[in-house]
Amino acid sequence: MRGYTDDKDAVMKRLRRIEGQVRGLQRMVDEDAYCIDVLTQISAATRALESVALHLLEEHMSHCVREAVAAGSPDADAKMAEAAAAVARLVRS
């Protein structure tokens, strides 16, 4: 079971909303909307994706990593490194 399994419906709802935002962006570009308006909407979609990513990371840390560490699992160090790499990717983006 993944860390986000209990919140899967909420995560999917948020992703569908973001998908709608991206479709709206495509429509704006197709209709030659003002550049700043398009950039504003891109910023909003980016923040929405970052929010979902942070939620998934939090769930991963509190579920997958915590379980591996608590169980003394041999892959606990790998889970910690994996989480650190995910944080690094988020910070770079």
C-alpha atoms as a PDB file:
ATOM      1  CA  MET A   1       0.000   0.000   0.000  1.00  0.00           C
ATOM      2  CA  ARG A   2       1.322   3.433  -0.940  1.00  0.00           C
ATOM      3  CA  GLY A   3       1.380   6.352   1.485  1.00  0.00           C
ATOM      4  CA  TYR A   4      -1.210   8.279  -0.509  1.00  0.00           C
ATOM      5  CA  THR A   5      -3.654   5.368  -0.898  1.00  0.00           C
ATOM      6  CA  ASP A   6      -6.039   6.708   1.744  1.00  0.00           C
ATOM      7  CA  ASP A   7      -6.079  10.109  -0.015  1.00  0.00           C
ATOM      8  CA  LYS A   8      -6.092   8.754  -3.553  1.00  0.00           C
ATOM      9  CA  ASP A   9      -9.481  10.243  -4.444  1.00  0.00           C
ATOM     10  CA  ALA A  10      -8.421  13.695  -3.231  1.00  0.00           C
ATOM     11  CA  VAL A  11      -5.106  13.471  -5.104  1.00  0.00           C
ATOM     12  CA  MET A  12      -6.903  12.418  -8.279  1.00  0.00           C
ATOM     13  CA  LYS A  13      -9.379  15.284  -7.888  1.00  0.00           C
ATOM     14  CA  ARG A  14      -6.520  17.769  -7.573  1.00  0.00           C
ATOM     15  CA  LEU A  15      -4.750  16.309 -10.607  1.00  0.00           C
ATOM     16  CA  ARG A  16      -7.946  16.523 -12.673  1.00  0.00           C
ATOM     17  CA  ARG A  17      -8.280  20.175 -11.655  1.00  0.00           C
ATOM     18  CA  ILE A  18      -4.689  20.789 -12.786  1.00  0.00           C
ATOM     19  CA  GLU A  19      -5.423  18.989 -16.040  1.00  0.00           C
ATOM     20  CA  GLY A  20      -8.286  21.431 -16.559  1.00  0.00           C
ATOM     21  CA  GLN A  21      -5.937  24.326 -15.878  1.00  0.00           C
ATOM     22  CA  VAL A  22      -3.527  23.048 -18.530  1.00  0.00           C
ATOM     23  CA  ARG A  23      -6.353  22.654 -21.043  1.00  0.00           C
ATOM     24  CA  GLY A  24      -7.318  26.234 -20.226  1.00  0.00           C
ATOM     25  CA  LEU A  25      -3.757  27.304 -20.931  1.00  0.00           C
ATOM     26  CA  GLN A  26      -3.864  25.592 -24.303  1.00  0.00           C
ATOM     27  CA  ARG A  27      -7.104  27.391 -25.074  1.00  0.00           C
ATOM     28  CA  MET A  28      -5.604  30.730 -24.000  1.00  0.00           C
ATOM     29  CA  VAL A  29      -2.631  30.278 -26.311  1.00  0.00           C
ATOM     30  CA  ASP A  30      -4.885  29.117 -29.144  1.00  0.00           C
ATOM     31  CA  GLU A  31      -6.987  32.268 -28.670  1.00  0.00           C
ATOM     32  CA  ASP A  32      -3.877  34.516 -28.509  1.00  0.00           C
ATOM     33  CA  ALA A  33      -4.486  35.607 -24.921  1.00  0.00           C
ATOM     34  CA  TYR A  34      -2.305  38.313 -23.422  1.00  0.00           C
ATOM     35  CA  CYS A  35       1.153  36.956 -22.509  1.00  0.00           C
ATOM     36  CA  ILE A  36       1.026  38.020 -18.866  1.00  0.00           C
ATOM     37  CA  ASP A  37      -2.362  36.359 -18.426  1.00  0.00           C
ATOM     38  CA  VAL A  38      -0.954  33.090 -19.795  1.00  0.00           C
ATOM     39  CA  LEU A  39       2.116  33.372 -17.561  1.00  0.00           C
ATOM     40  CA  THR A  40      -0.111  34.008 -14.535  1.00  0.00           C
ATOM     41  CA  GLN A  41      -2.066  30.845 -15.258  1.00  0.00           C
ATOM     42  CA  ILE A  42       1.136  28.860 -15.815  1.00  0.00           C
ATOM     43  CA  SER A  43       2.318  30.030 -12.407  1.00  0.00           C
ATOM     44  CA  ALA A  44      -0.959  28.895 -10.829  1.00  0.00           C
ATOM     45  CA  ALA A  45      -0.725  25.455 -12.475  1.00  0.00           C
ATOM     46  CA  THR A  46       2.892  25.128 -11.370  1.00  0.00           C
ATOM     47  CA  ARG A  47       1.977  25.963  -7.764  1.00  0.00           C
ATOM     48  CA  ALA A  48      -0.863  23.452  -7.894  1.00  0.00           C
ATOM     49  CA  LEU A  49       1.501  20.706  -9.112  1.00  0.00           C
ATOM     50  CA  GLU A  50       4.039  21.629  -6.440  1.00  0.00           C
ATOM     51  CA  SER A  51       1.307  21.375  -3.821  1.00  0.00           C
ATOM     52  CA  VAL A  52       0.398  17.859  -4.951  1.00  0.00           C
ATOM     53  CA  ALA A  53       4.075  16.905  -5.024  1.00  0.00           C
ATOM     54  CA  LEU A  54       4.611  18.158  -1.472  1.00  0.00           C
ATOM     55  CA  HIS A  55       1.545  16.267  -0.288  1.00  0.00           C
ATOM     56  CA  LEU A  56       2.814  13.045  -1.882  1.00  0.00           C
ATOM     57  CA  LEU A  57       6.267  13.585  -0.400  1.00  0.00           C
ATOM     58  CA  GLU A  58       4.778  14.136   3.046  1.00  0.00           C
ATOM     59  CA  GLU A  59       2.738  10.953   2.719  1.00  0.00           C
ATOM     60  CA  HIS A  60       5.821   9.040   1.542  1.00  0.00           C
ATOM     61  CA  MET A  61       7.848  10.265   4.510  1.00  0.00           C
ATOM     62  CA  SER A  62       5.145   9.562   7.073  1.00  0.00           C
ATOM     63  CA  HIS A  63       4.218   6.169   5.657  1.00  0.00           C
ATOM     64  CA  CYS A  64       6.853   4.441   3.537  1.00  0.00           C
ATOM     65  CA  VAL A  65       9.991   5.878   5.137  1.00  0.00           C
ATOM     66  CA  ARG A  66       8.653   5.731   8.692  1.00  0.00           C
ATOM     67  CA  GLU A  67       7.624   2.082   8.273  1.00  0.00           C
ATOM     68  CA  ALA A  68      10.998   1.095   6.846  1.00  0.00           C
ATOM     69  CA  VAL A  69      12.883   2.812   9.669  1.00  0.00           C
ATOM     70  CA  ALA A  70      10.576   1.524  12.420  1.00  0.00           C
ATOM     71  CA  ALA A  71      10.820  -2.034  11.123  1.00  0.00           C
ATOM     72  CA  GLY A  72      14.592  -1.829  10.919  1.00  0.00           C
ATOM     73  CA  SER A  73      14.245  -2.762   7.285  1.00  0.00           C
ATOM     74  CA  PRO A  74      17.490  -3.161   5.355  1.00  0.00           C
ATOM     75  CA  ASP A  75      16.161  -0.708   2.761  1.00  0.00           C
ATOM     76  CA  ALA A  76      15.538   2.052   5.350  1.00  0.00           C
ATOM     77  CA  ASP A  77      18.677   3.913   4.290  1.00  0.00           C
ATOM     78  CA  ALA A  78      17.617   3.614   0.658  1.00  0.00           C
ATOM     79  CA  LYS A  79      14.172   5.017   1.502  1.00  0.00           C
ATOM     80  CA  MET A  80      15.791   7.976   3.279  1.00  0.00           C
ATOM     81  CA  ALA A  81      18.103   8.627   0.306  1.00  0.00           C
ATOM     82  CA  GLU A  82      15.170   8.329  -2.071  1.00  0.00           C
ATOM     83  CA  ALA A  83      13.191  10.905  -0.070  1.00  0.00           C
ATOM     84  CA  ALA A  84      16.186  13.256   0.057  1.00  0.00           C
ATOM     85  CA  ALA A  85      16.563  12.977  -3.726  1.00  0.00           C
ATOM     86  CA  ALA A  86      12.870  13.757  -4.177  1.00  0.00           C
ATOM     87  CA  VAL A  87      13.249  16.875  -2.009  1.00  0.00           C
ATOM     88  CA  ALA A  88      16.264  17.924  -4.071  1.00  0.00           C
ATOM     89  CA  ARG A  89      14.279  17.528  -7.308  1.00  0.00           C
ATOM     90  CA  LEU A  90      11.450  19.635  -5.905  1.00  0.00           C
ATOM     91  CA  VAL A  91      13.813  22.356  -4.763  1.00  0.00           C
ATOM     92  CA  ARG A  92      15.507  22.512  -8.174  1.00  0.00           C
ATOM     93  CA  SER A  93      12.238  22.829 -10.057  1.00  0.00           C
END
